[in-house]
Protein backbone atom coordinates (compact mmCIF):
# COMPACT_ATOMS: atom_id res chain seq x y z
CA MET A 1 -9.59 39.22 5.67
CA ASN A 2 -8.45 41.90 3.22
CA LYS A 3 -11.81 43.03 1.83
CA LYS A 4 -10.35 45.04 -1.08
CA LYS A 5 -8.30 42.05 -2.21
CA GLU A 6 -11.27 39.69 -1.92
CA VAL A 7 -13.51 42.10 -3.85
CA LEU A 8 -10.89 42.35 -6.61
CA ILE A 9 -10.54 38.56 -6.83
CA LEU A 10 -14.31 38.11 -6.91
CA GLY A 11 -14.61 40.85 -9.53
CA LEU A 12 -12.13 39.07 -11.79
CA ALA A 13 -13.96 35.78 -11.19
CA LEU A 14 -17.27 37.37 -12.20
CA PHE A 15 -15.64 38.83 -15.30
CA SER A 16 -14.22 35.47 -16.39
CA MET A 17 -17.51 33.74 -15.60
CA PHE A 18 -19.47 35.97 -17.98
CA PHE A 19 -16.73 36.54 -20.55
CA GLY A 20 -16.88 33.95 -23.27
CA ALA A 21 -16.38 33.53 -27.00
CA GLY A 22 -20.06 34.20 -27.67
CA ASN A 23 -19.79 37.60 -26.02
CA LEU A 24 -17.33 38.65 -28.70
CA LEU A 25 -19.70 37.89 -31.57
CA PHE A 26 -22.74 40.06 -30.91
CA PRO A 27 -21.35 43.54 -30.11
CA PRO A 28 -19.61 43.98 -33.50
CA SER A 29 -22.73 42.82 -35.37
CA LEU A 30 -24.81 45.27 -33.35
CA GLY A 31 -22.40 48.05 -34.31
CA VAL A 32 -22.74 47.15 -37.99
CA SER A 33 -26.54 47.32 -37.74
CA VAL A 34 -26.85 50.60 -35.82
CA GLY A 35 -23.94 52.52 -37.38
CA THR A 36 -23.85 56.10 -36.14
CA SER A 37 -26.28 55.23 -33.32
CA TRP A 38 -23.73 52.88 -31.73
CA LEU A 39 -23.60 54.65 -28.36
CA VAL A 40 -27.36 54.62 -27.70
CA ALA A 41 -27.66 50.98 -28.80
CA GLY A 42 -24.55 50.18 -26.77
CA VAL A 43 -26.17 51.45 -23.57
CA GLY A 44 -29.15 49.16 -24.18
CA PHE A 45 -26.84 46.22 -24.87
CA PHE A 46 -24.83 46.98 -21.74
CA LEU A 47 -27.94 46.86 -19.54
CA THR A 48 -28.90 43.34 -20.65
CA GLY A 49 -25.36 42.09 -21.34
CA VAL A 50 -23.81 43.31 -18.09
CA GLY A 51 -26.37 44.95 -15.77
CA LEU A 52 -28.92 42.14 -15.67
CA PRO A 53 -26.39 39.32 -15.09
CA LEU A 54 -24.96 41.21 -12.11
CA LEU A 55 -28.45 41.85 -10.73
CA GLY A 56 -29.17 38.14 -11.20
CA ILE A 57 -26.27 37.25 -8.93
CA LEU A 58 -27.26 39.93 -6.42
CA ALA A 59 -30.71 38.33 -6.26
CA PHE A 60 -29.13 35.27 -4.68
CA THR A 61 -28.13 37.23 -1.62
CA LYS A 62 -31.88 37.19 -0.95
CA VAL A 63 -32.97 33.73 -2.09
CA GLY A 64 -29.85 31.68 -1.32
CA SER A 65 -30.70 28.68 -3.52
CA LEU A 66 -32.09 27.69 -6.92
CA ASP A 67 -35.03 26.00 -5.21
CA GLU A 68 -36.24 29.38 -3.99
CA PHE A 69 -35.67 31.56 -7.06
CA ALA A 70 -39.16 31.23 -8.57
CA ASN A 71 -40.70 29.11 -5.82
CA LYS A 72 -43.10 31.89 -4.78
CA VAL A 73 -44.86 31.40 -8.11
CA SER A 74 -44.99 27.65 -7.43
CA SER A 75 -42.52 24.83 -6.95
CA LYS A 76 -43.63 23.27 -10.22
CA PHE A 77 -43.10 26.56 -12.08
CA ASN A 78 -39.65 26.87 -10.50
CA THR A 79 -38.65 23.46 -11.86
CA ILE A 80 -40.09 24.18 -15.32
CA TYR A 81 -38.45 27.61 -15.42
CA LEU A 82 -34.99 26.33 -14.40
CA THR A 83 -35.27 23.39 -16.79
CA THR A 84 -36.10 25.81 -19.61
CA LEU A 85 -33.09 27.98 -18.70
CA ILE A 86 -30.79 24.97 -18.80
CA LEU A 87 -32.17 23.84 -22.16
CA VAL A 88 -31.69 27.33 -23.61
CA ILE A 89 -28.11 27.77 -22.40
CA GLY A 90 -27.59 24.11 -23.21
CA PRO A 91 -28.48 21.91 -26.19
CA LEU A 92 -31.14 24.14 -27.75
CA PHE A 93 -28.95 27.16 -28.45
CA ALA A 94 -25.76 27.93 -26.50
CA ILE A 95 -23.98 24.58 -26.87
CA PRO A 96 -24.65 24.19 -30.64
CA ARG A 97 -23.55 27.82 -31.02
CA THR A 98 -20.10 26.92 -29.72
CA GLY A 99 -19.74 24.30 -32.46
CA SER A 100 -20.94 26.66 -35.20
CA THR A 101 -18.61 29.41 -33.98
CA THR A 102 -15.67 27.00 -34.00
CA PHE A 103 -16.39 26.08 -37.60
CA GLU A 104 -17.02 29.60 -38.90
CA MET A 105 -14.20 31.35 -37.05
CA GLY A 106 -11.56 28.70 -36.40
CA VAL A 107 -11.84 26.15 -39.22
CA LEU A 108 -13.40 27.70 -42.32
CA PRO A 109 -10.73 30.44 -42.68
CA LEU A 110 -8.01 27.75 -42.65
CA ILE A 111 -9.43 24.97 -44.85
CA ASN A 112 -10.65 25.04 -48.45
CA GLY A 113 -13.34 22.67 -49.60
CA ASP A 114 -17.07 22.00 -49.40
CA PRO A 115 -18.25 24.16 -46.46
CA LYS A 116 -21.13 21.80 -45.62
CA LEU A 117 -18.88 18.75 -45.46
CA ILE A 118 -16.28 20.62 -43.43
CA ALA A 119 -19.02 21.83 -41.06
CA ILE A 120 -20.24 18.24 -40.50
CA VAL A 121 -16.73 16.90 -39.87
CA THR A 122 -15.89 19.82 -37.57
CA SER A 123 -19.08 19.33 -35.58
CA ILE A 124 -18.46 15.61 -35.12
CA ILE A 125 -14.87 16.16 -33.96
CA PHE A 126 -15.74 19.15 -31.76
CA PHE A 127 -18.55 17.43 -29.88
CA GLY A 128 -16.64 14.16 -29.77
CA ILE A 129 -13.87 15.97 -27.87
CA THR A 130 -16.50 17.70 -25.71
CA LEU A 131 -18.05 14.35 -24.76
CA PHE A 132 -14.65 12.83 -23.99
CA LEU A 133 -13.65 15.70 -21.71
CA VAL A 134 -17.03 15.77 -19.94
CA LEU A 135 -17.01 12.04 -19.24
CA ASN A 136 -13.39 11.95 -18.14
CA GLU A 137 -13.56 15.07 -15.95
CA SER A 138 -10.39 16.35 -17.56
CA LYS A 139 -8.71 19.52 -16.31
CA VAL A 140 -7.70 20.38 -19.88
CA THR A 141 -10.51 22.89 -20.23
CA ASP A 142 -9.52 24.67 -16.99
CA ILE A 143 -5.95 24.95 -18.23
CA LEU A 144 -7.09 26.13 -21.67
CA GLY A 145 -9.40 28.68 -20.09
CA LYS A 146 -6.62 30.17 -17.96
CA PHE A 147 -4.41 30.64 -21.01
CA LEU A 148 -7.02 31.46 -23.67
CA THR A 149 -8.80 34.27 -21.85
CA PRO A 150 -5.65 36.39 -21.41
CA ILE A 151 -4.63 35.73 -25.04
CA ILE A 152 -8.04 36.77 -26.36
CA LEU A 153 -8.00 39.88 -24.16
CA VAL A 154 -4.58 40.86 -25.53
CA ILE A 155 -5.80 40.37 -29.12
CA LEU A 156 -8.94 42.41 -28.35
CA ALA A 157 -6.83 45.17 -26.83
CA LEU A 158 -4.68 45.27 -29.97
CA ILE A 159 -7.76 45.32 -32.24
CA THR A 160 -9.30 48.16 -30.21
CA PHE A 161 -6.07 50.17 -29.92
CA ILE A 162 -5.28 49.93 -33.65
CA GLY A 163 -8.92 50.54 -34.60
CA LEU A 164 -9.06 53.72 -32.49
CA LEU A 165 -5.71 55.05 -33.72
CA ASN A 166 -6.38 54.23 -37.37
CA PRO A 167 -10.14 54.27 -38.12
CA ILE A 168 -11.03 51.30 -40.31
CA GLY A 169 -14.07 52.93 -41.89
CA ILE A 170 -16.81 55.50 -41.55
CA ALA A 171 -20.06 54.79 -39.71
CA VAL A 172 -23.25 55.14 -41.74
CA ALA A 173 -26.82 55.77 -40.62
CA SER A 174 -28.55 52.96 -38.76
CA LYS A 175 -30.22 50.22 -40.79
CA VAL A 176 -32.59 49.56 -37.90
CA GLU A 177 -36.04 51.11 -37.74
CA GLY A 178 -37.45 52.28 -34.41
CA SER A 179 -35.68 52.71 -31.10
CA GLN A 180 -31.94 52.07 -31.26
CA PHE A 181 -31.85 51.68 -27.47
CA SER A 182 -34.43 48.89 -27.40
CA TYR A 183 -32.72 47.21 -30.37
CA GLY A 184 -29.48 47.12 -28.38
CA PHE A 185 -31.34 46.02 -25.24
CA ILE A 186 -32.99 43.07 -26.99
CA ASN A 187 -29.76 42.13 -28.81
CA GLY A 188 -28.16 41.84 -25.38
CA TYR A 189 -30.47 38.87 -24.79
CA GLN A 190 -28.26 36.85 -27.15
CA THR A 191 -25.39 36.81 -24.65
CA MET A 192 -27.71 34.72 -22.43
CA ASP A 193 -25.66 35.91 -19.46
CA ALA A 194 -28.66 37.01 -17.40
CA LEU A 195 -30.12 33.51 -17.79
CA ALA A 196 -26.80 31.98 -16.80
CA SER A 197 -26.52 34.31 -13.79
CA VAL A 198 -29.57 32.62 -12.26
CA LEU A 199 -27.52 29.41 -12.23
CA PHE A 200 -24.16 31.05 -11.41
CA GLY A 201 -25.58 33.06 -8.51
CA VAL A 202 -25.80 30.14 -6.13
CA ILE A 203 -22.15 29.23 -6.87
CA ILE A 204 -20.94 32.75 -6.06
CA VAL A 205 -22.99 33.03 -2.87
CA LYS A 206 -21.79 29.60 -1.65
CA GLY A 207 -18.23 30.73 -2.34
CA LEU A 208 -18.76 33.77 -0.10
CA GLU A 209 -20.33 31.62 2.60
CA SER A 210 -17.31 29.29 2.55
CA LYS A 211 -15.20 32.32 3.49
CA GLY A 212 -17.47 33.12 6.42
CA ILE A 213 -19.44 35.86 4.66
CA THR A 214 -22.97 34.77 5.50
CA ASP A 215 -24.82 38.03 6.19
CA SER A 216 -26.89 39.04 3.15
CA ARG A 217 -25.98 42.72 3.52
CA GLU A 218 -22.27 41.90 3.65
CA GLN A 219 -22.65 39.58 0.67
CA LYS A 220 -24.35 42.37 -1.24
CA SER A 221 -21.48 44.71 -0.36
CA PHE A 222 -18.93 42.26 -1.74
CA LEU A 223 -20.98 41.57 -4.85
CA THR A 224 -21.63 45.25 -5.52
CA GLY A 225 -17.93 46.11 -5.42
CA SER A 226 -16.85 43.09 -7.44
CA GLY A 227 -19.77 43.64 -9.82
CA MET A 228 -18.48 47.13 -10.60
CA ILE A 229 -15.08 45.65 -11.51
CA ALA A 230 -16.65 43.04 -13.79
CA ALA A 231 -19.01 45.65 -15.30
CA VAL A 232 -16.14 48.00 -16.17
CA GLY A 233 -14.19 45.20 -17.85
CA LEU A 234 -17.13 43.85 -19.83
CA GLY A 235 -18.38 47.35 -20.64
CA LEU A 236 -15.04 48.37 -22.14
CA ILE A 237 -15.04 45.28 -24.35
CA TYR A 238 -18.66 45.69 -25.44
CA PHE A 239 -18.51 49.41 -26.22
CA SER A 240 -15.18 49.03 -28.04
CA LEU A 241 -16.48 46.22 -30.24
CA ILE A 242 -19.78 47.99 -30.92
CA TYR A 243 -17.90 51.15 -31.91
CA LEU A 244 -15.51 49.25 -34.18
CA GLY A 245 -18.45 47.41 -35.71
CA SER A 246 -20.10 50.74 -36.49
CA GLN A 247 -17.02 51.72 -38.51
CA ILE A 248 -17.71 48.92 -40.99
CA SER A 249 -21.48 49.51 -40.99
CA GLY A 250 -21.27 50.27 -44.70
CA MET A 251 -20.36 46.64 -45.45
CA GLU A 252 -23.24 44.44 -46.55
CA ASN A 253 -24.18 40.82 -45.90
CA LEU A 254 -21.62 40.03 -43.22
CA SER A 255 -22.54 37.08 -41.03
CA THR A 256 -22.12 37.33 -37.26
CA ALA A 257 -18.84 35.42 -37.32
CA GLN A 258 -17.57 37.22 -40.44
CA THR A 259 -18.07 40.59 -38.74
CA ALA A 260 -15.74 39.72 -35.86
CA LEU A 261 -13.17 38.18 -38.22
CA THR A 262 -13.34 41.24 -40.50
CA LEU A 263 -12.47 43.52 -37.59
CA ALA A 264 -9.51 41.30 -36.72
CA GLU A 265 -8.28 41.25 -40.32
CA LEU A 266 -8.66 45.01 -40.86
CA THR A 267 -6.63 45.76 -37.75
CA LEU A 268 -4.20 42.85 -37.36
CA GLY A 269 -3.98 41.49 -40.91
CA SER A 270 -4.72 37.98 -42.17
CA SER A 271 -2.45 36.29 -39.60
CA GLY A 272 -4.20 38.19 -36.78
CA LYS A 273 -7.57 37.13 -38.14
CA ILE A 274 -6.51 33.48 -38.08
CA ALA A 275 -5.00 33.72 -34.58
CA PHE A 276 -8.14 35.41 -33.24
CA GLY A 277 -10.41 32.84 -34.87
CA VAL A 278 -8.45 29.89 -33.52
CA CYS A 279 -8.38 31.35 -29.98
CA VAL A 280 -12.12 32.00 -30.02
CA ALA A 281 -12.80 28.51 -31.37
CA ALA A 282 -10.66 26.93 -28.65
CA ALA A 283 -12.44 29.04 -26.02
CA CYS A 284 -15.71 27.65 -27.36
CA LEU A 285 -14.54 24.17 -26.35
CA THR A 286 -14.19 25.18 -22.69
CA THR A 287 -17.68 26.70 -22.80
CA SER A 288 -19.13 23.62 -24.47
CA VAL A 289 -17.63 21.27 -21.87
CA GLY A 290 -18.85 23.40 -18.95
CA LEU A 291 -22.39 23.72 -20.29
CA THR A 292 -22.64 20.04 -21.25
CA ALA A 293 -21.58 19.05 -17.72
CA LEU A 294 -24.20 21.41 -16.26
CA VAL A 295 -26.96 20.02 -18.49
CA SER A 296 -25.97 16.42 -17.79
CA ASP A 297 -25.92 16.96 -14.04
CA TRP A 298 -29.33 18.68 -14.00
CA PHE A 299 -31.21 16.14 -16.14
CA ALA A 300 -29.52 13.12 -14.58
CA LYS A 301 -30.96 14.21 -11.21
CA LEU A 302 -34.29 15.48 -12.57
CA LEU A 303 -35.08 12.38 -14.64
CA ASN A 304 -33.09 9.86 -12.55
CA VAL A 305 -31.11 8.71 -15.57
CA SER A 306 -27.44 8.16 -16.32
CA TYR A 307 -25.17 11.23 -16.40
CA LYS A 308 -23.24 9.66 -19.29
CA MET A 309 -26.43 9.07 -21.28
CA VAL A 310 -27.54 12.69 -20.91
CA ALA A 311 -24.07 13.90 -21.94
CA LEU A 312 -24.15 11.66 -25.03
CA VAL A 313 -27.63 12.80 -26.09
CA THR A 314 -26.68 16.45 -25.50
CA CYS A 315 -23.55 16.19 -27.65
CA VAL A 316 -25.29 14.31 -30.48
CA PHE A 317 -28.22 16.76 -30.56
CA SER A 318 -25.90 19.77 -30.39
CA SER A 319 -23.65 18.45 -33.16
CA VAL A 320 -26.64 18.11 -35.51
CA LEU A 321 -27.96 21.60 -34.75
CA ALA A 322 -24.48 23.16 -35.00
CA VAL A 323 -24.25 22.17 -38.68
CA ALA A 324 -27.21 24.45 -39.43
CA GLY A 325 -24.96 27.46 -38.89
CA LEU A 326 -24.42 30.22 -36.36
CA ASP A 327 -26.87 32.75 -37.78
CA TYR A 328 -29.61 30.11 -38.07
CA ILE A 329 -29.18 29.15 -34.41
CA ILE A 330 -29.29 32.83 -33.44
CA SER A 331 -32.52 33.31 -35.39
CA LEU A 332 -34.10 30.32 -33.64
CA ALA A 333 -33.14 31.70 -30.24
CA VAL A 334 -34.72 35.15 -30.70
CA PRO A 335 -38.40 34.28 -30.04
CA VAL A 336 -37.52 32.07 -27.04
CA LEU A 337 -35.36 34.80 -25.51
CA VAL A 338 -37.99 37.47 -26.11
CA VAL A 339 -40.31 35.44 -23.85
CA LEU A 340 -37.78 34.15 -21.34
CA TYR A 341 -35.81 37.33 -20.68
CA PRO A 342 -38.69 39.54 -19.47
CA VAL A 343 -39.79 36.75 -17.10
CA THR A 344 -36.22 36.48 -15.81
CA ILE A 345 -36.01 40.26 -15.38
CA VAL A 346 -39.16 40.47 -13.24
CA LEU A 347 -38.11 37.48 -11.12
CA ILE A 348 -34.67 39.03 -10.52
CA VAL A 349 -36.20 42.37 -9.53
CA LEU A 350 -38.83 40.82 -7.23
CA ASN A 351 -36.14 38.75 -5.49
CA ILE A 352 -33.71 41.65 -5.12
CA PHE A 353 -36.33 43.78 -3.40
CA GLY A 354 -37.26 40.87 -1.15
CA ILE A 355 -40.92 40.82 -2.13
CA GLU A 356 -42.66 38.22 0.01
CA ASN A 357 -46.18 38.54 -1.40
CA LYS A 358 -46.74 35.41 -3.47
CA ASN A 359 -49.64 37.03 -5.30
CA CYS A 360 -47.23 39.63 -6.68
CA PHE A 361 -44.88 36.91 -7.89
CA LYS A 362 -47.67 34.92 -9.52
CA LEU A 363 -49.49 37.83 -11.18
CA VAL A 364 -46.39 39.66 -12.40
CA THR A 365 -44.83 36.48 -13.80
CA LEU A 366 -48.07 35.33 -15.46
CA VAL A 367 -48.80 38.72 -17.04
CA THR A 368 -45.22 39.13 -18.24
CA LEU A 369 -45.27 35.64 -19.73
CA LEU A 370 -48.59 36.24 -21.51
CA VAL A 371 -47.62 39.63 -22.95
CA SER A 372 -44.18 38.46 -24.09
CA GLY A 373 -45.74 35.36 -25.65
CA ALA A 374 -48.31 37.50 -27.47
CA GLU A 375 -45.48 39.70 -28.75
CA VAL A 376 -43.69 36.69 -30.22
CA LEU A 377 -46.95 35.53 -31.84
CA LYS A 378 -47.22 38.98 -33.52
CA VAL A 379 -50.42 39.91 -31.68
CA ASN A 380 -51.18 43.62 -32.12
CA LEU A 381 -50.22 45.18 -28.77
CA SER A 382 -50.08 48.79 -29.94
CA ILE A 383 -52.64 49.81 -27.32
CA ILE A 384 -50.08 49.00 -24.59
CA PRO A 385 -47.60 51.79 -23.74
CA LEU A 386 -43.97 51.14 -24.81
CA SER A 387 -45.01 48.30 -27.10
CA ASN A 388 -43.53 50.19 -30.05
CA VAL A 389 -40.05 50.00 -28.49
CA GLY A 390 -40.12 46.35 -27.44
CA PHE A 391 -41.23 46.75 -23.82
CA ALA A 392 -44.91 45.85 -24.06
CA TRP A 393 -44.59 43.72 -20.93
CA LEU A 394 -43.32 46.49 -18.62
CA ILE A 395 -46.49 48.48 -17.82
CA PRO A 396 -48.72 45.37 -17.52
CA ALA A 397 -46.15 43.88 -15.11
CA LEU A 398 -46.25 47.03 -12.95
CA VAL A 399 -50.06 46.97 -12.94
CA ALA A 400 -50.02 43.28 -12.01
CA TYR A 401 -47.68 44.06 -9.13
CA GLY A 402 -50.08 46.76 -7.85
CA ILE A 403 -53.02 44.36 -8.02
CA GLY A 404 -51.00 41.65 -6.29
CA LYS A 405 -50.24 44.03 -3.41
CA LEU A 406 -53.95 44.64 -2.91
CA ILE A 407 -54.73 40.93 -2.59
CA LYS A 408 -54.16 39.45 0.85
CA ASN A 409 -51.30 36.96 0.79
CA LYS A 410 -52.37 33.41 1.68
CA GLU A 411 -49.86 31.39 3.66
């Protein structure tokens, strides 16, 4: 086996796994918000948008299966946690977001008329096609994905190259109060890639095992090398888009989708804007089909119901929520992600370091969940260190870990 070749292939696979249309939306908007502080915010975004997903996959070299990821807290918690993840990257937020993005980036710039009516029609057609492809196990989405990703990357390269050679504006001071780093860090939650990595990890590890790579240390070596390749690719895209977004930070009242389209129009012209929007919208279809299939498979087994029924309910629910608009869906997701991400972070870290003490798992997870929940409920946590920069959960989690270590583990 040629290890360098396998690492390169796996690195490209990781990149394509995490690279999606949604990942193109948030970096430019972050740049608009933070302006001249784009680099500091970009580092924070990179950690949650790239670093955490890769750590999530690395964690599976230790646990090996979804059943074991949070099982040391309890088997019931593990099921609830994974079900919540699938709902979040499924019909609650990520799937409807694909429909809203398709409307705002791929349809609205091309069609004149009542935006609400067009949004409803677009949503019905989009999720009708999604349901058809999911139920018929079509390979159309695989084919589209293979062609769309390179096309989008070429368009992004052109946008970045032109934007760097001919600055499209001048960055202004940040509109965000407080720590720019933590603002970028928390905005990285919106990619939802760290949550998805918990589900993707088992796929990657099984792929390595099918090639005879079964030793956890060897798996980690492969994943570390390939992770660096994926991180470089994603990092270049994120930092470029954040920087370009900062150049139009003087513009007011741009929606998330409008920000990305504005960058395309300022660099490539109106035809480039349309081409970019259509490509992104088409890429959303492949994401929607993949996520709907994942949701349908999980709940069909969990609830012992029909796969087709779950797929139908998922598409109908998502089509209704998609009409509410991209920015509305994003606003709904924020409080859920503020609770779910810290819990995911501590579980990833505990698994990576191979912590066997169940008391540590239980106490750290419980404390993190309580503090993050209190933060969402606007409870005054100013007494806790780092609470002013969005990391109120960190010190309590470390204290909980210390206490857990002192308690004898019961087998």
